[in-house]
Amino acid sequence: MKSWIIMVHVCWALVLAACAPTSRTYEKTVTRSVAAEPTSQLYRAARRLGDPGDGRSGVRLVSDGEQALVIRLLMAAAAEQAIDAQYYLLHDDPTGHLFAASLLRAADRGVRVRLLLDDMDTSGYDAMTAALDLHENIEIRLFNPFWRDQSLLIAGLTDFKRINRRMHNKSMTADNTFTIVGGRNIGAEYFLAREEMNYADLDVLATGPVVRQVSDSFDTYWNSEFAVPAAVVIDEHQGFSLNEARDRLNDLVDEARDTPYGNALRRSAQETFAGNALSVDWVQARLYADPPSKAAGADDPEQILASQLLPYFETAKNEVNIISAYFVPRSKGVAWMSELENRGVDIKVVTNSLASNDVAPVYAHYAKKRRALLRAGVELYELRPDAYQVQQRGINWAQSRSGLHSKAFTIDDRYVFVGSFNWDPRSVNINTEMGILIDSPDLAVRTMGALDEALPAYTYNVTLEEAGKLVWTTRQQDGTVLRYDAEPTGSAWDHIVSGVLAILPIGSQL
């Protein structure tokens, strides 16, 4: 090797060594969730819903985006003791402003607020984060943070293994009495509030013993080494005082309220919670979650969420139905599903089409396994990007493109799982995830009945003809069945990009 090449390598090694992550020391208090208070209004509300007190939890599936935001805002408004919220994304948009303001108002009433955010997308609003964190009743921690004194380029070069692992969990718990867990981040597209594109998503509102499990999981994450106080990561002198932040949020909330979407939220609140309109099913329910140590890549493979759920699939007898926004089975996944099919378990998968998917590499690496899945006997359905326009859902239904963001599955006519877990390598091996498994034949039958009713009009059923040709079929509102001999969504450029991405060896990171 020439001497100048050796010198380049040596210099580059020295640069990386100088920029390598150093040990950071800081103080952090250990805090835990509070016990539910029998005199609180939320506890009394749970009792009115018919809590049998026999170990079952009350659950309600929440598919409507407007209702999902209303529930979070009303939980914050009713809280008297504590709110614990854990999210992958909290957007700087009207829904994020409404959510943040609801937490601030609760804190002003004396409610303890603990907000744990993955640091993937928080730096853009560091000033507001730092200001809210000054409140005596609010503490914000950032999971697996990007240190602000280090560029993203350097972090990627020297600390990729750590920053590649993100906290994808999503939950909000009030007074340790009600919790909402599922696929939604805090952002307009998750609550039917965007004009361009909205997501079909799913949460589960729960009360009863499973809430305690969610709180215990939150405490584990909150007190882990990966949850760093925001004040350690962000310079507190960001230009906002707490009072200025409060005034700014109030102005933003006023703007959000004075919109058609604000009116839609008020209508949803009246329809969902007026009188005795809210109801739940009392069922056996259990939280499953990755340990926070998964963020270090050093966890026991048997402890990760995918391994915890595997026994339920091993005992499946009749059918498995999977709804996954990001579905990347890879060769091992195809083989596993083939084994299930071979022993008589019918598998149905609902995922995104090319035009409804917002992550092109994910679609590309799913599509390359499509024929293998169909040959194994798996049924495939891809969301139509005009599904919301067909359904006339939300205030923006006439122009909004639809995307699937739900993460759920059912097993036989018994189990329903709702959470943050996608069927892809990232959820299995890299990010942390959580979800609630419901053991209820009645709810499983109702859930799949609703899905089967919706599939013909809102998805493309992908099938394989004898010659190996893929065919897409869907049903019009008038009942007419349309057939396509080529992918019916996406531009020519989208198809070219998808083909190129499918070749790249990036499947393990998707």
Protein backbone atom coordinates (compact mmCIF):
# COMPACT_ATOMS: atom_id res chain seq x y z
CA MET A 1 0.00 0.00 0.00
CA LYS A 2 1.36 3.44 -0.91
CA SER A 3 2.48 5.62 2.00
CA TRP A 4 0.00 8.41 1.25
CA ILE A 5 -2.90 5.94 1.41
CA ILE A 6 -1.62 4.68 4.76
CA MET A 7 -1.46 8.27 6.03
CA VAL A 8 -5.07 8.90 4.93
CA HIS A 9 -6.24 5.82 6.82
CA VAL A 10 -4.28 6.81 9.92
CA CYS A 11 -5.61 10.39 9.87
CA TRP A 12 -9.17 9.18 9.35
CA ALA A 13 -8.82 6.75 12.27
CA LEU A 14 -7.56 9.60 14.46
CA VAL A 15 -10.50 11.79 13.46
CA LEU A 16 -13.00 9.06 14.30
CA ALA A 17 -11.28 8.37 17.59
CA ALA A 18 -11.41 12.05 18.49
CA CYS A 19 -15.10 12.22 17.62
CA ALA A 20 -16.04 8.91 19.20
CA PRO A 21 -18.75 9.06 21.86
CA THR A 22 -17.44 9.77 25.33
CA SER A 23 -18.96 8.81 28.64
CA ARG A 24 -21.54 11.38 29.76
CA THR A 25 -22.25 11.83 33.44
CA TYR A 26 -25.39 13.41 34.85
CA GLU A 27 -27.83 13.00 37.70
CA LYS A 28 -31.26 11.47 37.27
CA THR A 29 -33.90 10.74 39.84
CA VAL A 30 -35.77 7.45 39.92
CA THR A 31 -39.52 7.95 39.95
CA ARG A 32 -42.39 5.49 39.63
CA SER A 33 -46.03 5.53 38.72
CA VAL A 34 -48.54 6.44 41.41
CA ALA A 35 -51.24 4.12 42.68
CA ALA A 36 -54.74 4.68 41.31
CA GLU A 37 -56.77 6.83 43.69
CA PRO A 38 -60.29 5.44 44.33
CA THR A 39 -61.68 8.94 44.79
CA SER A 40 -60.46 10.28 41.43
CA GLN A 41 -62.96 10.98 38.68
CA LEU A 42 -61.20 8.62 36.27
CA TYR A 43 -61.33 5.79 38.79
CA ARG A 44 -65.04 6.42 39.34
CA ALA A 45 -65.56 6.49 35.57
CA ALA A 46 -63.89 3.09 35.29
CA ARG A 47 -66.20 1.70 37.94
CA ARG A 48 -69.22 3.04 36.08
CA LEU A 49 -68.11 1.08 33.02
CA GLY A 50 -68.83 -2.10 34.97
CA ASP A 51 -65.46 -3.28 36.29
CA PRO A 52 -66.17 -6.84 37.49
CA GLY A 53 -63.09 -6.84 39.72
CA ASP A 54 -62.12 -10.37 38.66
CA GLY A 55 -58.84 -9.66 36.85
CA ARG A 56 -60.37 -8.75 33.51
CA SER A 57 -59.58 -5.41 31.85
CA GLY A 58 -61.96 -3.13 30.00
CA VAL A 59 -60.89 -2.51 26.40
CA ARG A 60 -62.20 -0.54 23.45
CA LEU A 61 -60.60 -0.57 19.99
CA VAL A 62 -60.21 2.93 18.57
CA SER A 63 -59.95 3.10 14.79
CA ASP A 64 -61.28 6.63 14.22
CA GLY A 65 -58.48 9.20 14.20
CA GLU A 66 -60.48 12.13 15.51
CA GLN A 67 -61.80 10.01 18.37
CA ALA A 68 -58.27 8.83 19.16
CA LEU A 69 -57.05 12.41 19.68
CA VAL A 70 -60.15 13.35 21.68
CA ILE A 71 -59.53 10.45 24.05
CA ARG A 72 -55.99 11.62 24.74
CA LEU A 73 -57.09 15.22 25.31
CA LEU A 74 -59.94 14.17 27.62
CA MET A 75 -57.66 11.86 29.60
CA ALA A 76 -55.30 14.79 30.18
CA ALA A 77 -58.20 17.06 31.13
CA ALA A 78 -59.57 14.57 33.65
CA ALA A 79 -56.26 13.54 35.23
CA GLU A 80 -55.81 14.54 38.88
CA GLN A 81 -52.60 12.77 39.91
CA ALA A 82 -50.29 11.75 37.08
CA ILE A 83 -49.89 11.42 33.33
CA ASP A 84 -47.24 9.18 31.79
CA ALA A 85 -46.80 9.47 28.02
CA GLN A 86 -44.31 7.56 25.86
CA TYR A 87 -44.06 8.29 22.12
CA TYR A 88 -41.79 7.75 19.15
CA LEU A 89 -42.86 11.00 17.44
CA LEU A 90 -44.50 14.19 18.64
CA HIS A 91 -44.93 16.56 15.71
CA ASP A 92 -44.76 20.35 15.78
CA ASP A 93 -48.23 20.68 14.21
CA PRO A 94 -51.76 21.51 15.44
CA THR A 95 -52.37 18.06 16.93
CA GLY A 96 -48.99 18.17 18.68
CA HIS A 97 -49.82 21.63 20.01
CA LEU A 98 -53.18 20.45 21.37
CA PHE A 99 -51.50 17.46 23.01
CA ALA A 100 -48.64 19.47 24.56
CA ALA A 101 -51.05 22.15 25.78
CA SER A 102 -53.23 19.50 27.44
CA LEU A 103 -50.20 18.21 29.35
CA LEU A 104 -49.23 21.74 30.38
CA ARG A 105 -52.74 22.53 31.64
CA ALA A 106 -52.71 19.31 33.65
CA ALA A 107 -49.35 20.24 35.17
CA ASP A 108 -50.70 23.69 36.05
CA ARG A 109 -53.46 21.90 38.03
CA GLY A 110 -50.80 20.01 40.01
CA VAL A 111 -50.73 16.79 37.96
CA ARG A 112 -47.30 15.17 37.67
CA VAL A 113 -46.44 14.77 33.97
CA ARG A 114 -43.69 12.45 32.75
CA LEU A 115 -43.11 12.64 29.01
CA LEU A 116 -40.69 10.16 27.40
CA LEU A 117 -39.91 10.83 23.74
CA ASP A 118 -37.65 9.02 21.36
CA ASP A 119 -35.14 11.62 20.17
CA MET A 120 -35.52 10.79 16.48
CA ASP A 121 -37.44 13.97 15.66
CA THR A 122 -37.35 16.33 18.65
CA SER A 123 -34.45 18.70 17.91
CA GLY A 124 -36.64 20.95 15.77
CA TYR A 125 -38.58 22.08 18.83
CA ASP A 126 -35.85 22.02 21.47
CA ALA A 127 -36.84 25.51 22.63
CA MET A 128 -40.38 24.43 23.56
CA THR A 129 -39.13 21.17 25.11
CA ALA A 130 -36.62 23.02 27.28
CA ALA A 131 -39.25 25.55 28.37
CA LEU A 132 -41.89 22.96 29.31
CA ASP A 133 -39.26 20.95 31.16
CA LEU A 134 -38.81 23.96 33.48
CA HIS A 135 -42.30 23.39 34.91
CA GLU A 136 -42.14 22.00 38.45
CA ASN A 137 -44.68 19.29 37.54
CA ILE A 138 -43.29 18.32 34.13
CA GLU A 139 -40.26 16.21 33.42
CA ILE A 140 -39.24 15.31 29.88
CA ARG A 141 -36.72 12.62 29.04
CA LEU A 142 -35.29 11.75 25.63
CA PHE A 143 -34.66 8.13 24.74
CA ASN A 144 -31.35 7.26 23.13
CA PRO A 145 -30.62 10.94 22.39
CA PHE A 146 -28.65 12.56 19.63
CA TRP A 147 -26.21 14.74 21.52
CA ARG A 148 -26.65 18.34 20.39
CA ASP A 149 -22.91 19.03 20.57
CA GLN A 150 -22.24 16.35 17.94
CA SER A 151 -23.19 16.48 14.27
CA LEU A 152 -25.46 13.80 12.86
CA LEU A 153 -22.71 12.84 10.39
CA ILE A 154 -20.21 12.18 13.15
CA ALA A 155 -22.84 10.38 15.22
CA GLY A 156 -23.62 8.16 12.25
CA LEU A 157 -19.97 7.33 11.71
CA THR A 158 -19.01 6.72 15.33
CA ASP A 159 -22.18 5.72 17.14
CA PHE A 160 -24.40 4.12 14.47
CA LYS A 161 -25.15 0.94 16.40
CA ARG A 162 -26.69 2.97 19.23
CA ILE A 163 -28.56 5.68 17.35
CA ASN A 164 -29.96 3.17 14.86
CA ARG A 165 -32.01 1.64 17.69
CA ARG A 166 -35.12 3.66 18.47
CA MET A 167 -37.97 3.52 21.00
CA HIS A 168 -41.06 2.90 18.86
CA ASN A 169 -43.42 2.42 21.87
CA LYS A 170 -46.62 4.45 22.07
CA SER A 171 -48.74 4.83 25.20
CA MET A 172 -50.45 7.40 27.40
CA THR A 173 -51.69 6.62 30.91
CA ALA A 174 -53.71 8.88 33.22
CA ASP A 175 -53.94 8.38 37.00
CA ASN A 176 -52.89 4.76 36.51
CA THR A 177 -56.55 4.11 35.66
CA PHE A 178 -56.92 4.55 31.89
CA THR A 179 -54.33 3.96 29.19
CA ILE A 180 -54.29 4.14 25.41
CA VAL A 181 -51.78 1.98 23.53
CA GLY A 182 -51.39 1.38 19.81
CA GLY A 183 -49.87 2.49 16.55
CA ARG A 184 -50.45 6.24 16.64
CA ASN A 185 -47.73 8.79 17.15
CA ILE A 186 -48.74 12.36 18.00
CA GLY A 187 -49.10 14.06 14.63
CA ALA A 188 -51.78 15.31 12.25
CA GLU A 189 -51.62 12.36 9.85
CA TYR A 190 -52.46 9.92 12.67
CA PHE A 191 -55.65 11.78 13.62
CA LEU A 192 -57.26 12.53 10.24
CA ALA A 193 -56.06 16.14 10.34
CA ARG A 194 -53.94 16.46 7.18
CA GLU A 195 -55.14 17.44 3.75
CA GLU A 196 -52.54 15.46 1.77
CA MET A 197 -52.39 12.06 3.46
CA ASN A 198 -53.90 10.43 6.55
CA TYR A 199 -53.22 7.07 8.13
CA ALA A 200 -55.61 4.26 8.95
CA ASP A 201 -54.47 3.33 12.44
CA LEU A 202 -55.58 1.49 15.55
CA ASP A 203 -55.32 2.01 19.31
CA VAL A 204 -56.78 0.21 22.29
CA LEU A 205 -58.22 2.23 25.18
CA ALA A 206 -58.00 0.19 28.36
CA THR A 207 -58.81 0.26 32.05
CA GLY A 208 -58.35 -2.35 34.75
CA PRO A 209 -55.33 -4.56 35.58
CA VAL A 210 -53.59 -4.15 32.20
CA VAL A 211 -53.10 -0.45 33.00
CA ARG A 212 -50.81 -1.41 35.86
CA GLN A 213 -48.73 -3.46 33.41
CA VAL A 214 -48.42 -0.47 31.05
CA SER A 215 -47.34 1.72 33.97
CA ASP A 216 -44.73 -0.82 35.08
CA SER A 217 -43.34 -0.95 31.55
CA PHE A 218 -43.23 2.85 31.41
CA ASP A 219 -41.32 2.95 34.70
CA THR A 220 -38.78 0.46 33.34
CA TYR A 221 -38.13 2.68 30.32
CA TRP A 222 -38.25 5.94 32.28
CA ASN A 223 -35.65 4.80 34.80
CA SER A 224 -33.43 3.00 32.27
CA GLU A 225 -30.00 4.28 31.29
CA PHE A 226 -31.36 5.13 27.83
CA ALA A 227 -33.85 7.76 29.08
CA VAL A 228 -31.84 10.96 29.51
CA PRO A 229 -33.28 14.12 31.10
CA ALA A 230 -34.03 16.68 28.41
CA ALA A 231 -32.08 19.31 30.33
CA VAL A 232 -28.93 17.21 29.89
CA VAL A 233 -29.37 16.98 26.13
CA ILE A 234 -30.77 20.44 25.36
CA ASP A 235 -29.30 23.80 26.31
CA GLU A 236 -31.99 25.24 28.59
CA HIS A 237 -31.26 28.73 27.31
CA GLN A 238 -33.19 28.30 24.08
CA GLY A 239 -35.03 31.62 24.01
CA PHE A 240 -38.34 30.53 25.62
CA SER A 241 -39.29 31.05 29.22
CA LEU A 242 -42.03 28.82 30.62
CA ASN A 243 -44.54 31.69 30.52
CA GLU A 244 -43.57 32.49 26.93
CA ALA A 245 -44.01 28.84 26.01
CA ARG A 246 -47.44 28.82 27.67
CA ASP A 247 -48.50 31.94 25.75
CA ARG A 248 -47.18 30.48 22.50
CA LEU A 249 -49.02 27.20 23.03
CA ASN A 250 -52.24 29.00 23.93
CA ASP A 251 -52.06 30.98 20.69
CA LEU A 252 -51.42 27.81 18.69
CA VAL A 253 -54.30 26.00 20.40
CA ASP A 254 -56.64 28.89 19.66
CA GLU A 255 -55.64 28.65 16.00
CA ALA A 256 -56.23 24.90 15.97
CA ARG A 257 -59.63 25.19 17.63
CA ASP A 258 -60.85 27.78 15.14
CA THR A 259 -60.67 25.37 12.20
CA PRO A 260 -63.00 22.78 10.64
CA TYR A 261 -60.86 20.11 12.30
CA GLY A 262 -61.34 21.77 15.69
CA ASN A 263 -65.09 21.62 15.13
CA ALA A 264 -64.79 17.96 14.16
CA LEU A 265 -63.01 17.21 17.42
CA ARG A 266 -65.77 18.85 19.44
CA ARG A 267 -68.40 16.81 17.60
CA SER A 268 -66.41 13.63 18.19
CA ALA A 269 -66.15 14.38 21.91
CA GLN A 270 -69.89 14.91 22.18
CA GLU A 271 -70.72 11.76 20.22
CA THR A 272 -68.21 9.52 22.01
CA PHE A 273 -68.48 10.65 25.60
CA ALA A 274 -71.89 12.27 26.00
CA GLY A 275 -73.95 10.57 28.71
CA ASN A 276 -73.17 6.85 28.79
CA ALA A 277 -71.97 6.61 25.18
CA LEU A 278 -68.56 5.15 26.14
CA SER A 279 -68.49 1.40 26.63
CA VAL A 280 -65.77 -1.25 26.94
CA ASP A 281 -65.49 -5.04 26.72
CA TRP A 282 -64.29 -6.74 29.91
CA VAL A 283 -61.76 -9.33 28.79
CA GLN A 284 -58.46 -10.94 29.67
CA ALA A 285 -55.70 -8.62 28.45
CA ARG A 286 -51.94 -8.54 28.86
CA LEU A 287 -49.23 -6.09 27.88
CA TYR A 288 -46.19 -7.38 26.00
CA ALA A 289 -43.16 -5.14 25.51
CA ASP A 290 -39.52 -5.26 24.59
CA PRO A 291 -37.08 -4.58 27.43
CA PRO A 292 -35.39 -1.17 27.09
CA SER A 293 -32.05 -3.00 26.99
CA LYS A 294 -32.90 -3.89 23.40
CA ALA A 295 -31.70 -0.35 22.63
CA ALA A 296 -28.17 -1.54 23.40
CA GLY A 297 -28.44 -4.59 21.19
CA ALA A 298 -27.39 -6.78 24.08
CA ASP A 299 -30.70 -8.22 25.22
CA ASP A 300 -31.62 -11.88 25.56
CA PRO A 301 -33.24 -12.98 22.27
CA GLU A 302 -35.85 -14.86 24.29
CA GLN A 303 -36.96 -11.63 26.00
CA ILE A 304 -37.73 -9.55 22.92
CA LEU A 305 -41.36 -8.96 22.02
CA ALA A 306 -41.34 -11.19 18.93
CA SER A 307 -40.15 -14.15 21.02
CA GLN A 308 -42.74 -13.46 23.71
CA LEU A 309 -45.52 -13.60 21.11
CA LEU A 310 -44.22 -16.63 19.20
CA PRO A 311 -45.95 -19.30 21.39
CA TYR A 312 -49.38 -17.95 20.41
CA PHE A 313 -48.61 -18.58 16.74
CA GLU A 314 -47.16 -22.01 17.45
CA THR A 315 -50.52 -23.06 18.93
CA ALA A 316 -52.64 -21.49 16.15
CA LYS A 317 -55.08 -23.99 14.69
CA ASN A 318 -57.16 -22.24 12.03
CA GLU A 319 -56.15 -18.74 10.96
CA VAL A 320 -53.79 -15.83 11.47
CA ASN A 321 -54.74 -12.36 10.25
CA ILE A 322 -52.01 -9.72 10.10
CA ILE A 323 -52.44 -5.99 9.62
CA SER A 324 -49.03 -4.38 9.27
CA ALA A 325 -48.19 -1.01 7.75
CA TYR A 326 -44.61 -2.10 7.15
CA PHE A 327 -44.44 -5.75 6.16
CA VAL A 328 -41.01 -7.16 5.24
CA PRO A 329 -41.08 -10.94 5.71
CA ARG A 330 -37.71 -11.80 4.11
CA SER A 331 -36.85 -15.42 3.35
CA LYS A 332 -37.13 -16.66 6.95
CA GLY A 333 -40.53 -15.04 7.30
CA VAL A 334 -41.77 -16.64 4.10
CA ALA A 335 -40.55 -20.04 5.28
CA TRP A 336 -42.23 -19.57 8.68
CA MET A 337 -45.54 -18.63 7.09
CA SER A 338 -45.25 -21.57 4.70
CA GLU A 339 -44.91 -23.90 7.69
CA LEU A 340 -48.08 -22.46 9.24
CA GLU A 341 -49.95 -22.84 5.98
CA ASN A 342 -48.70 -26.42 5.59
CA ARG A 343 -50.19 -27.40 8.93
CA GLY A 344 -53.57 -25.93 8.03
CA VAL A 345 -53.37 -22.37 9.37
CA ASP A 346 -54.74 -19.85 6.86
CA ILE A 347 -52.79 -16.59 6.81
CA LYS A 348 -54.15 -13.27 5.62
CA VAL A 349 -51.94 -10.16 5.40
CA VAL A 350 -53.12 -6.57 4.95
CA THR A 351 -50.39 -4.05 4.16
CA ASN A 352 -49.72 -0.96 2.05
CA SER A 353 -49.80 -0.67 -1.71
CA LEU A 354 -47.07 1.18 -3.57
CA ALA A 355 -48.93 4.49 -3.47
CA SER A 356 -50.17 4.20 0.12
CA ASN A 357 -46.75 3.27 1.54
CA ASP A 358 -44.69 6.21 2.83
CA VAL A 359 -41.42 4.25 3.04
CA ALA A 360 -40.39 3.16 -0.47
CA PRO A 361 -37.67 0.67 0.58
CA VAL A 362 -40.18 -1.19 2.77
CA TYR A 363 -42.59 -1.64 -0.13
CA ALA A 364 -39.76 -2.67 -2.44
CA HIS A 365 -38.54 -5.44 -0.14
CA TYR A 366 -42.09 -6.63 0.57
CA ALA A 367 -42.92 -6.75 -3.14
CA LYS A 368 -39.93 -8.96 -3.96
CA LYS A 369 -41.40 -11.66 -1.66
CA ARG A 370 -44.97 -11.33 -2.93
CA ARG A 371 -44.94 -14.30 -5.30
CA ALA A 372 -43.28 -16.57 -2.74
CA LEU A 373 -45.93 -15.66 -0.17
CA LEU A 374 -48.77 -16.32 -2.59
CA ARG A 375 -47.28 -19.66 -3.64
CA ALA A 376 -47.19 -20.62 0.04
CA GLY A 377 -50.92 -19.95 0.26
CA VAL A 378 -50.85 -16.57 2.05
CA GLU A 379 -53.67 -14.17 1.13
CA LEU A 380 -52.43 -10.64 0.36
CA TYR A 381 -54.37 -7.38 0.49
CA GLU A 382 -52.88 -3.95 -0.26
CA LEU A 383 -54.55 -0.73 0.88
CA ARG A 384 -56.04 1.48 -1.82
CA PRO A 385 -54.63 5.01 -1.56
CA ASP A 386 -58.14 6.41 -2.05
CA ALA A 387 -59.67 4.38 0.80
CA TYR A 388 -60.58 7.45 2.87
CA GLN A 389 -62.20 9.05 -0.15
CA VAL A 390 -64.32 5.93 -0.61
CA GLN A 391 -65.19 5.84 3.09
CA GLN A 392 -65.72 9.59 3.35
CA ARG A 393 -63.79 9.60 6.63
CA GLY A 394 -62.74 12.81 8.36
CA ILE A 395 -62.98 16.42 7.22
CA ASN A 396 -60.39 15.97 4.46
CA TRP A 397 -61.83 12.79 2.94
CA ALA A 398 -62.41 14.32 -0.50
CA GLN A 399 -58.74 14.98 -1.18
CA SER A 400 -56.77 12.98 1.37
CA ARG A 401 -54.65 10.05 0.25
CA SER A 402 -54.81 7.03 2.57
CA GLY A 403 -51.95 5.13 4.15
CA LEU A 404 -51.99 2.14 6.48
CA HIS A 405 -50.24 2.60 9.81
CA SER A 406 -52.04 -0.01 11.93
CA LYS A 407 -50.13 -2.81 13.64
CA ALA A 408 -52.44 -5.62 14.73
CA PHE A 409 -53.08 -9.30 14.36
CA THR A 410 -55.62 -11.94 15.34
CA ILE A 411 -55.08 -15.64 15.97
CA ASP A 412 -57.95 -18.06 15.46
CA ASP A 413 -61.22 -16.72 16.86
CA ARG A 414 -59.60 -15.82 20.15
CA TYR A 415 -56.66 -13.41 20.29
CA VAL A 416 -56.39 -9.78 19.17
CA PHE A 417 -53.10 -7.87 19.42
CA VAL A 418 -52.87 -4.08 19.01
CA GLY A 419 -49.64 -2.16 19.40
CA SER A 420 -46.59 -0.60 17.76
CA PHE A 421 -45.10 -3.82 16.36
CA ASN A 422 -44.67 -4.07 12.58
CA TRP A 423 -43.89 -7.34 10.83
CA ASP A 424 -40.45 -6.25 9.71
CA PRO A 425 -36.82 -6.76 10.82
CA ARG A 426 -36.68 -3.33 12.47
CA SER A 427 -39.52 -4.13 14.88
CA VAL A 428 -38.25 -7.64 15.50
CA ASN A 429 -34.56 -6.94 16.00
CA ILE A 430 -33.77 -3.23 16.25
CA ASN A 431 -36.44 -0.92 17.72
CA THR A 432 -38.29 -1.40 20.99
CA GLU A 433 -42.02 -2.13 20.70
CA MET A 434 -45.11 -2.77 22.82
CA GLY A 435 -48.71 -3.90 22.50
CA ILE A 436 -51.72 -5.37 24.29
CA LEU A 437 -52.83 -8.94 23.62
CA ILE A 438 -56.56 -9.43 24.18
CA ASP A 439 -57.99 -12.89 24.84
CA SER A 440 -61.62 -12.59 23.72
CA PRO A 441 -63.36 -14.82 21.16
CA ASP A 442 -66.21 -12.32 20.84
CA LEU A 443 -63.95 -9.34 20.17
CA ALA A 444 -61.78 -11.37 17.78
CA VAL A 445 -64.81 -12.42 15.74
CA ARG A 446 -66.16 -8.86 15.62
CA THR A 447 -62.78 -7.42 14.68
CA MET A 448 -62.20 -9.82 11.82
CA GLY A 449 -65.80 -9.53 10.70
CA ALA A 450 -65.34 -5.78 10.32
CA LEU A 451 -62.06 -6.30 8.48
CA ASP A 452 -63.48 -8.87 6.08
CA GLU A 453 -66.37 -6.53 5.31
CA ALA A 454 -64.00 -3.66 4.53
CA LEU A 455 -61.38 -5.50 2.48
CA PRO A 456 -63.20 -5.81 -0.90
CA ALA A 457 -63.80 -2.06 -1.30
CA TYR A 458 -60.78 -0.55 0.44
CA THR A 459 -57.96 -2.85 -0.68
CA TYR A 460 -56.57 -4.67 -3.70
CA ASN A 461 -56.60 -8.44 -3.35
CA VAL A 462 -53.36 -9.66 -4.91
CA THR A 463 -53.48 -13.13 -6.44
CA LEU A 464 -51.17 -15.29 -8.53
CA GLU A 465 -52.23 -16.91 -11.78
CA GLU A 466 -50.84 -20.23 -12.99
CA ALA A 467 -48.30 -18.56 -15.26
CA GLY A 468 -46.86 -16.62 -12.31
CA LYS A 469 -48.62 -13.39 -13.24
CA LEU A 470 -49.82 -11.13 -10.44
CA VAL A 471 -53.38 -9.79 -10.54
CA TRP A 472 -54.99 -7.06 -8.41
CA THR A 473 -58.78 -6.94 -7.88
CA THR A 474 -61.00 -4.51 -5.98
CA ARG A 475 -64.67 -3.64 -5.77
CA GLN A 476 -66.27 -0.33 -6.75
CA GLN A 477 -68.98 1.32 -4.66
CA ASP A 478 -71.60 0.07 -7.13
CA GLY A 479 -70.38 -3.50 -6.68
CA THR A 480 -68.39 -3.68 -9.92
CA VAL A 481 -65.19 -5.71 -9.58
CA LEU A 482 -62.13 -4.18 -11.22
CA ARG A 483 -59.16 -6.30 -12.32
CA TYR A 484 -55.64 -5.05 -12.96
CA ASP A 485 -52.87 -7.04 -14.64
CA ALA A 486 -50.21 -4.61 -13.44
CA GLU A 487 -49.75 -2.73 -10.16
CA PRO A 488 -52.63 -0.23 -10.10
CA THR A 489 -50.97 2.41 -7.94
CA GLY A 490 -47.84 4.51 -8.15
CA SER A 491 -46.25 6.46 -10.96
CA ALA A 492 -43.80 5.06 -13.49
CA TRP A 493 -41.01 6.67 -11.50
CA ASP A 494 -42.27 5.01 -8.29
CA HIS A 495 -42.02 1.64 -10.00
CA ILE A 496 -38.48 2.33 -11.20
CA VAL A 497 -37.34 3.45 -7.74
CA SER A 498 -38.99 0.41 -6.14
CA GLY A 499 -37.17 -1.92 -8.52
CA VAL A 500 -33.80 -0.35 -7.72
CA LEU A 501 -34.41 -0.37 -3.96
CA ALA A 502 -35.35 -4.04 -4.05
CA ILE A 503 -31.82 -4.86 -5.23
CA LEU A 504 -30.05 -3.06 -2.39
CA PRO A 505 -28.95 -5.25 0.56
CA ILE A 506 -30.85 -3.21 3.16
CA GLY A 507 -33.63 -5.62 4.11
CA SER A 508 -32.28 -6.27 7.61
CA GLN A 509 -32.59 -2.56 8.47
CA LEU A 510 -36.21 -2.11 7.34
